[in-house]
Amino acid sequence: MFSSSVAFSGSRAVAGSPCLAAAASIAVREVAVAGGLLSVGCCVGADAAVLNSAVALGVAPSVSVYSAFGPGALGAVSVSNWGGVYRAQDSGATIHWWAGGNQSVPPRARLVNRSLACIRSASVLVAFVVGPLPVPFKVGPSTVWPWSGGSGSWSSVGAAALLGHPVVLVPVGWSSTLAALPVLPAPCGGSWSSGLWSGSWLWSPALFG
């Protein structure tokens, strides 16, 4: 599963969380051992934890960062991890500046657009989520970015499902039962099962013959 390209997403609300740092380190190591490539965003929280792990493990050259801002931190906002992005670049990561559109695009839209670009670059999504889906998925302003009650992490999960990508869901600071996991907005169906790591879950899209 991790031998090709893996995108990472997750909450910004857990910046500095030891639990998140440990989960990110395990996931990044698994991808690196499998020889896969990593794609990640540019924010504090989960994005930063993945970048920190990649640099610490010496696998930054296998990382592509999808940045909602430009060189020199132009267009960065309060949740931007511009320092971590530059450290990753210095360690060999590839940076896709303005991945969500140029500075004329509103920051919120840029963040969504770069998340979609990151997910589309990969074939699997690993998502670090800090709580259950707040509301059932609904159609959002974009047909590939479902509305999830304001949770960008869950919207990323839904977007990956709509693209037919397997999703590894890693709860951070909470736990879930299989029965409590949501129905994802993928027209082809799909199902949840126990994930690769303790407490994680795997959503697999339906396969067509």
C-alpha atoms as a PDB file:
ATOM      1  CA  MET A   1       0.000   0.000   0.000  1.00  0.00           C
ATOM      2  CA  PHE A   2       2.764   2.452   0.876  1.00  0.00           C
ATOM      3  CA  SER A   3       5.135   1.592  -1.944  1.00  0.00           C
ATOM      4  CA  SER A   4       3.824   4.293  -4.297  1.00  0.00           C
ATOM      5  CA  SER A   5       2.779   7.797  -3.208  1.00  0.00           C
ATOM      6  CA  VAL A   6       1.080   8.603   0.098  1.00  0.00           C
ATOM      7  CA  ALA A   7      -0.581  11.900   1.024  1.00  0.00           C
ATOM      8  CA  PHE A   8      -0.893  13.055   4.630  1.00  0.00           C
ATOM      9  CA  SER A   9      -3.503  15.340   6.159  1.00  0.00           C
ATOM     10  CA  GLY A  10      -4.821  16.166   9.592  1.00  0.00           C
ATOM     11  CA  SER A  11      -5.866  18.666  12.168  1.00  0.00           C
ATOM     12  CA  ARG A  12      -4.083  21.935  12.885  1.00  0.00           C
ATOM     13  CA  ALA A  13      -5.500  21.927  16.409  1.00  0.00           C
ATOM     14  CA  VAL A  14      -2.998  19.439  17.824  1.00  0.00           C
ATOM     15  CA  ALA A  15       0.202  21.373  17.192  1.00  0.00           C
ATOM     16  CA  GLY A  16       2.914  20.097  19.516  1.00  0.00           C
ATOM     17  CA  SER A  17       0.949  17.014  20.591  1.00  0.00           C
ATOM     18  CA  PRO A  18       3.296  14.161  21.652  1.00  0.00           C
ATOM     19  CA  CYS A  19       0.606  11.663  20.583  1.00  0.00           C
ATOM     20  CA  LEU A  20       0.492  13.197  17.101  1.00  0.00           C
ATOM     21  CA  ALA A  21       4.287  13.321  16.846  1.00  0.00           C
ATOM     22  CA  ALA A  22       4.521   9.610  17.697  1.00  0.00           C
ATOM     23  CA  ALA A  23       1.775   8.648  15.218  1.00  0.00           C
ATOM     24  CA  ALA A  24       3.345  10.737  12.445  1.00  0.00           C
ATOM     25  CA  SER A  25       6.776   9.217  13.051  1.00  0.00           C
ATOM     26  CA  ILE A  26       5.363   5.681  12.765  1.00  0.00           C
ATOM     27  CA  ALA A  27       3.488   6.494   9.552  1.00  0.00           C
ATOM     28  CA  VAL A  28       6.397   8.282   7.884  1.00  0.00           C
ATOM     29  CA  ARG A  29       8.748   5.438   8.784  1.00  0.00           C
ATOM     30  CA  GLU A  30       6.351   2.868   7.305  1.00  0.00           C
ATOM     31  CA  VAL A  31       6.153   4.761   4.010  1.00  0.00           C
ATOM     32  CA  ALA A  32       9.919   5.242   3.900  1.00  0.00           C
ATOM     33  CA  VAL A  33      10.600   1.546   4.575  1.00  0.00           C
ATOM     34  CA  ALA A  34       8.197   0.613   1.767  1.00  0.00           C
ATOM     35  CA  GLY A  35      10.053   2.934  -0.608  1.00  0.00           C
ATOM     36  CA  GLY A  36       7.076   5.261  -1.078  1.00  0.00           C
ATOM     37  CA  LEU A  37       6.903   8.983  -1.737  1.00  0.00           C
ATOM     38  CA  LEU A  38       5.248  11.408   0.665  1.00  0.00           C
ATOM     39  CA  SER A  39       3.000  14.386  -0.057  1.00  0.00           C
ATOM     40  CA  VAL A  40       1.974  16.810   2.688  1.00  0.00           C
ATOM     41  CA  GLY A  41       0.628  20.317   3.241  1.00  0.00           C
ATOM     42  CA  CYS A  42       2.100  23.440   4.749  1.00  0.00           C
ATOM     43  CA  CYS A  43       0.281  24.028   8.043  1.00  0.00           C
ATOM     44  CA  VAL A  44       0.944  23.618  11.746  1.00  0.00           C
ATOM     45  CA  GLY A  45      -0.362  20.501  13.461  1.00  0.00           C
ATOM     46  CA  ALA A  46      -0.406  17.273  11.453  1.00  0.00           C
ATOM     47  CA  ASP A  47       1.429  18.696   8.419  1.00  0.00           C
ATOM     48  CA  ALA A  48       4.228  19.968  10.634  1.00  0.00           C
ATOM     49  CA  ALA A  49       4.474  16.664  12.517  1.00  0.00           C
ATOM     50  CA  VAL A  50       4.900  14.770   9.246  1.00  0.00           C
ATOM     51  CA  LEU A  51       7.567  17.194   7.999  1.00  0.00           C
ATOM     52  CA  ASN A  52       9.428  17.068  11.318  1.00  0.00           C
ATOM     53  CA  SER A  53       9.418  13.264  11.206  1.00  0.00           C
ATOM     54  CA  ALA A  54      10.612  13.168   7.594  1.00  0.00           C
ATOM     55  CA  VAL A  55      13.518  15.494   8.381  1.00  0.00           C
ATOM     56  CA  ALA A  56      14.426  13.585  11.561  1.00  0.00           C
ATOM     57  CA  LEU A  57      14.337  10.253   9.738  1.00  0.00           C
ATOM     58  CA  GLY A  58      16.413  11.573   6.842  1.00  0.00           C
ATOM     59  CA  VAL A  59      13.746  10.990   4.181  1.00  0.00           C
ATOM     60  CA  ALA A  60      12.956  14.621   3.286  1.00  0.00           C
ATOM     61  CA  PRO A  61      14.144  14.091  -0.348  1.00  0.00           C
ATOM     62  CA  SER A  62      11.137  11.776  -0.768  1.00  0.00           C
ATOM     63  CA  VAL A  63       8.718  14.520   0.336  1.00  0.00           C
ATOM     64  CA  SER A  64       6.661  16.905  -1.783  1.00  0.00           C
ATOM     65  CA  VAL A  65       5.186  19.851   0.147  1.00  0.00           C
ATOM     66  CA  TYR A  66       2.038  21.490  -1.223  1.00  0.00           C
ATOM     67  CA  SER A  67       2.193  25.061  -0.005  1.00  0.00           C
ATOM     68  CA  ALA A  68      -0.679  27.551   0.072  1.00  0.00           C
ATOM     69  CA  PHE A  69       1.884  30.380   0.192  1.00  0.00           C
ATOM     70  CA  GLY A  70       4.825  31.399  -1.922  1.00  0.00           C
ATOM     71  CA  PRO A  71       8.588  31.816  -1.577  1.00  0.00           C
ATOM     72  CA  GLY A  72       9.630  34.110   1.230  1.00  0.00           C
ATOM     73  CA  ALA A  73       6.439  33.113   3.093  1.00  0.00           C
ATOM     74  CA  LEU A  74       4.499  35.498   0.849  1.00  0.00           C
ATOM     75  CA  GLY A  75       0.820  34.891   1.476  1.00  0.00           C
ATOM     76  CA  ALA A  76       1.401  32.875   4.658  1.00  0.00           C
ATOM     77  CA  VAL A  77      -1.317  33.009   7.322  1.00  0.00           C
ATOM     78  CA  SER A  78      -1.450  32.297  11.050  1.00  0.00           C
ATOM     79  CA  VAL A  79      -1.693  28.516  10.552  1.00  0.00           C
ATOM     80  CA  SER A  80       1.168  28.358   8.046  1.00  0.00           C
ATOM     81  CA  ASN A  81       4.234  26.324   9.004  1.00  0.00           C
ATOM     82  CA  TRP A  82       6.565  28.395   6.863  1.00  0.00           C
ATOM     83  CA  GLY A  83       9.600  27.717   9.064  1.00  0.00           C
ATOM     84  CA  GLY A  84       9.060  23.968   8.851  1.00  0.00           C
ATOM     85  CA  VAL A  85       8.555  24.149   5.101  1.00  0.00           C
ATOM     86  CA  TYR A  86      11.911  25.887   4.687  1.00  0.00           C
ATOM     87  CA  ARG A  87      13.648  23.401   6.971  1.00  0.00           C
ATOM     88  CA  ALA A  88      12.225  20.572   4.878  1.00  0.00           C
ATOM     89  CA  GLN A  89      13.407  22.290   1.688  1.00  0.00           C
ATOM     90  CA  ASP A  90      16.893  22.649   3.153  1.00  0.00           C
ATOM     91  CA  SER A  91      16.819  18.889   3.855  1.00  0.00           C
ATOM     92  CA  GLY A  92      15.928  18.044   0.255  1.00  0.00           C
ATOM     93  CA  ALA A  93      12.119  18.227   0.073  1.00  0.00           C
ATOM     94  CA  THR A  94      10.428  19.517  -3.082  1.00  0.00           C
ATOM     95  CA  ILE A  95       8.178  22.525  -2.476  1.00  0.00           C
ATOM     96  CA  HIS A  96       5.183  23.273  -4.706  1.00  0.00           C
ATOM     97  CA  TRP A  97       4.688  26.973  -4.030  1.00  0.00           C
ATOM     98  CA  TRP A  98       1.214  28.499  -4.481  1.00  0.00           C
ATOM     99  CA  ALA A  99      -0.250  24.989  -4.815  1.00  0.00           C
ATOM    100  CA  GLY A 100      -3.703  26.370  -4.032  1.00  0.00           C
ATOM    101  CA  GLY A 101      -3.558  29.352  -6.358  1.00  0.00           C
ATOM    102  CA  ASN A 102      -1.751  32.688  -6.302  1.00  0.00           C
ATOM    103  CA  GLN A 103      -2.133  35.462  -3.737  1.00  0.00           C
ATOM    104  CA  SER A 104      -5.321  36.751  -5.382  1.00  0.00           C
ATOM    105  CA  VAL A 105      -7.119  33.583  -4.207  1.00  0.00           C
ATOM    106  CA  PRO A 106      -8.579  33.974  -0.659  1.00  0.00           C
ATOM    107  CA  PRO A 107      -6.567  32.084   2.004  1.00  0.00           C
ATOM    108  CA  ARG A 108      -9.343  29.614   2.891  1.00  0.00           C
ATOM    109  CA  ALA A 109      -9.813  28.665  -0.756  1.00  0.00           C
ATOM    110  CA  ARG A 110      -6.050  28.351  -1.214  1.00  0.00           C
ATOM    111  CA  LEU A 111      -5.858  25.932   1.719  1.00  0.00           C
ATOM    112  CA  VAL A 112      -8.633  23.762   0.277  1.00  0.00           C
ATOM    113  CA  ASN A 113      -7.105  23.843  -3.211  1.00  0.00           C
ATOM    114  CA  ARG A 114      -3.649  22.852  -2.007  1.00  0.00           C
ATOM    115  CA  SER A 115      -5.195  20.019   0.057  1.00  0.00           C
ATOM    116  CA  LEU A 116      -6.876  18.697  -3.073  1.00  0.00           C
ATOM    117  CA  ALA A 117      -3.631  19.016  -5.029  1.00  0.00           C
ATOM    118  CA  CYS A 118      -1.809  17.074  -2.309  1.00  0.00           C
ATOM    119  CA  ILE A 119      -4.435  14.287  -2.242  1.00  0.00           C
ATOM    120  CA  ARG A 120      -4.544  14.054  -6.032  1.00  0.00           C
ATOM    121  CA  SER A 121      -0.763  13.628  -6.169  1.00  0.00           C
ATOM    122  CA  ALA A 122      -0.961  10.345  -4.260  1.00  0.00           C
ATOM    123  CA  SER A 123      -2.767   7.017  -4.341  1.00  0.00           C
ATOM    124  CA  VAL A 124      -3.340   6.632  -0.571  1.00  0.00           C
ATOM    125  CA  LEU A 125      -4.294   9.118   2.168  1.00  0.00           C
ATOM    126  CA  VAL A 126      -3.183   8.921   5.800  1.00  0.00           C
ATOM    127  CA  ALA A 127      -5.363  11.245   7.893  1.00  0.00           C
ATOM    128  CA  PHE A 128      -4.761  12.197  11.528  1.00  0.00           C
ATOM    129  CA  VAL A 129      -8.151  13.197  12.963  1.00  0.00           C
ATOM    130  CA  VAL A 130      -8.900  14.583  16.439  1.00  0.00           C
ATOM    131  CA  GLY A 131     -12.554  13.618  16.736  1.00  0.00           C
ATOM    132  CA  PRO A 132     -15.528  11.923  15.078  1.00  0.00           C
ATOM    133  CA  LEU A 133     -17.140  13.360  11.961  1.00  0.00           C
ATOM    134  CA  PRO A 134     -19.270  16.264  13.331  1.00  0.00           C
ATOM    135  CA  VAL A 135     -22.143  15.793  10.858  1.00  0.00           C
ATOM    136  CA  PRO A 136     -22.856  13.419   7.971  1.00  0.00           C
ATOM    137  CA  PHE A 137     -21.076  14.362   4.765  1.00  0.00           C
ATOM    138  CA  LYS A 138     -22.943  16.722   2.445  1.00  0.00           C
ATOM    139  CA  VAL A 139     -22.209  18.032  -1.021  1.00  0.00           C
ATOM    140  CA  GLY A 140     -19.891  21.017  -0.717  1.00  0.00           C
ATOM    141  CA  PRO A 141     -19.234  23.974  -3.014  1.00  0.00           C
ATOM    142  CA  SER A 142     -16.916  21.636  -4.923  1.00  0.00           C
ATOM    143  CA  THR A 143     -18.084  18.202  -6.011  1.00  0.00           C
ATOM    144  CA  VAL A 144     -14.747  16.772  -4.872  1.00  0.00           C
ATOM    145  CA  TRP A 145     -14.563  18.597  -1.514  1.00  0.00           C
ATOM    146  CA  PRO A 146     -17.498  17.441   0.655  1.00  0.00           C
ATOM    147  CA  TRP A 147     -18.797  19.546   3.534  1.00  0.00           C
ATOM    148  CA  SER A 148     -18.144  17.943   6.929  1.00  0.00           C
ATOM    149  CA  GLY A 149     -19.343  20.462   9.486  1.00  0.00           C
ATOM    150  CA  GLY A 150     -16.215  22.567   9.286  1.00  0.00           C
ATOM    151  CA  SER A 151     -13.626  19.805   9.737  1.00  0.00           C
ATOM    152  CA  GLY A 152     -10.969  20.129   7.059  1.00  0.00           C
ATOM    153  CA  SER A 153      -9.451  16.809   8.128  1.00  0.00           C
ATOM    154  CA  TRP A 154     -12.690  14.933   7.501  1.00  0.00           C
ATOM    155  CA  SER A 155     -13.275  16.814   4.244  1.00  0.00           C
ATOM    156  CA  SER A 156      -9.865  15.559   3.104  1.00  0.00           C
ATOM    157  CA  VAL A 157     -10.934  12.012   3.991  1.00  0.00           C
ATOM    158  CA  GLY A 158     -14.129  12.445   1.993  1.00  0.00           C
ATOM    159  CA  ALA A 159     -12.274  13.933  -0.959  1.00  0.00           C
ATOM    160  CA  ALA A 160      -9.849  11.003  -1.040  1.00  0.00           C
ATOM    161  CA  ALA A 161     -12.777   8.580  -0.994  1.00  0.00           C
ATOM    162  CA  LEU A 162     -14.449  10.418  -3.873  1.00  0.00           C
ATOM    163  CA  LEU A 163     -11.206  10.005  -5.814  1.00  0.00           C
ATOM    164  CA  GLY A 164     -11.205   6.264  -5.056  1.00  0.00           C
ATOM    165  CA  HIS A 165      -8.134   6.375  -2.805  1.00  0.00           C
ATOM    166  CA  PRO A 166      -7.751   4.061   0.197  1.00  0.00           C
ATOM    167  CA  VAL A 167      -7.732   6.009   3.470  1.00  0.00           C
ATOM    168  CA  VAL A 168      -5.822   5.170   6.651  1.00  0.00           C
ATOM    169  CA  LEU A 169      -7.627   6.975   9.482  1.00  0.00           C
ATOM    170  CA  VAL A 170      -5.511   7.588  12.594  1.00  0.00           C
ATOM    171  CA  PRO A 171      -7.466   8.931  15.593  1.00  0.00           C
ATOM    172  CA  VAL A 172      -5.367  11.297  17.715  1.00  0.00           C
ATOM    173  CA  GLY A 173      -6.504  11.801  21.305  1.00  0.00           C
ATOM    174  CA  TRP A 174      -9.694   9.739  20.921  1.00  0.00           C
ATOM    175  CA  SER A 175     -10.792   6.272  19.838  1.00  0.00           C
ATOM    176  CA  SER A 176     -13.560   4.883  17.673  1.00  0.00           C
ATOM    177  CA  THR A 177     -15.382   1.630  17.115  1.00  0.00           C
ATOM    178  CA  LEU A 178     -15.913   0.200  13.662  1.00  0.00           C
ATOM    179  CA  ALA A 179     -19.668   0.736  13.941  1.00  0.00           C
ATOM    180  CA  ALA A 180     -19.187   4.429  14.736  1.00  0.00           C
ATOM    181  CA  LEU A 181     -17.150   5.229  11.622  1.00  0.00           C
ATOM    182  CA  PRO A 182     -19.023   7.309   9.047  1.00  0.00           C
ATOM    183  CA  VAL A 183     -20.253   6.423   5.603  1.00  0.00           C
ATOM    184  CA  LEU A 184     -17.887   8.123   3.162  1.00  0.00           C
ATOM    185  CA  PRO A 185     -19.255  10.029   0.178  1.00  0.00           C
ATOM    186  CA  ALA A 186     -17.866   7.733  -2.502  1.00  0.00           C
ATOM    187  CA  PRO A 187     -20.363   6.742  -5.184  1.00  0.00           C
ATOM    188  CA  CYS A 188     -18.571   3.411  -5.669  1.00  0.00           C
ATOM    189  CA  GLY A 189     -19.154   2.334  -2.061  1.00  0.00           C
ATOM    190  CA  GLY A 190     -16.366   0.967   0.086  1.00  0.00           C
ATOM    191  CA  SER A 191     -15.879  -0.330   3.610  1.00  0.00           C
ATOM    192  CA  TRP A 192     -13.922   0.139   6.839  1.00  0.00           C
ATOM    193  CA  SER A 193     -11.701  -2.468   8.476  1.00  0.00           C
ATOM    194  CA  SER A 194      -8.998  -2.520  11.135  1.00  0.00           C
ATOM    195  CA  GLY A 195      -5.939  -0.527  10.103  1.00  0.00           C
ATOM    196  CA  LEU A 196      -2.259  -1.298  10.010  1.00  0.00           C
ATOM    197  CA  TRP A 197      -1.512   0.288  13.378  1.00  0.00           C
ATOM    198  CA  SER A 198      -3.193  -0.122  16.739  1.00  0.00           C
ATOM    199  CA  GLY A 199      -6.303   2.060  16.899  1.00  0.00           C
ATOM    200  CA  SER A 200      -6.235   2.977  13.213  1.00  0.00           C
ATOM    201  CA  TRP A 201      -8.801   2.193  10.520  1.00  0.00           C
ATOM    202  CA  LEU A 202      -8.585   1.472   6.807  1.00  0.00           C
ATOM    203  CA  TRP A 203     -11.241   2.528   4.309  1.00  0.00           C
ATOM    204  CA  SER A 204     -11.000   0.535   1.096  1.00  0.00           C
ATOM    205  CA  PRO A 205     -12.910   1.588  -2.027  1.00  0.00           C
ATOM    206  CA  ALA A 206     -15.085  -0.970  -3.737  1.00  0.00           C
ATOM    207  CA  LEU A 207     -13.287  -2.817  -6.512  1.00  0.00           C
ATOM    208  CA  PHE A 208     -14.742  -3.323  -9.922  1.00  0.00           C
ATOM    209  CA  GLY A 209     -13.904  -6.318 -12.057  1.00  0.00           C
END
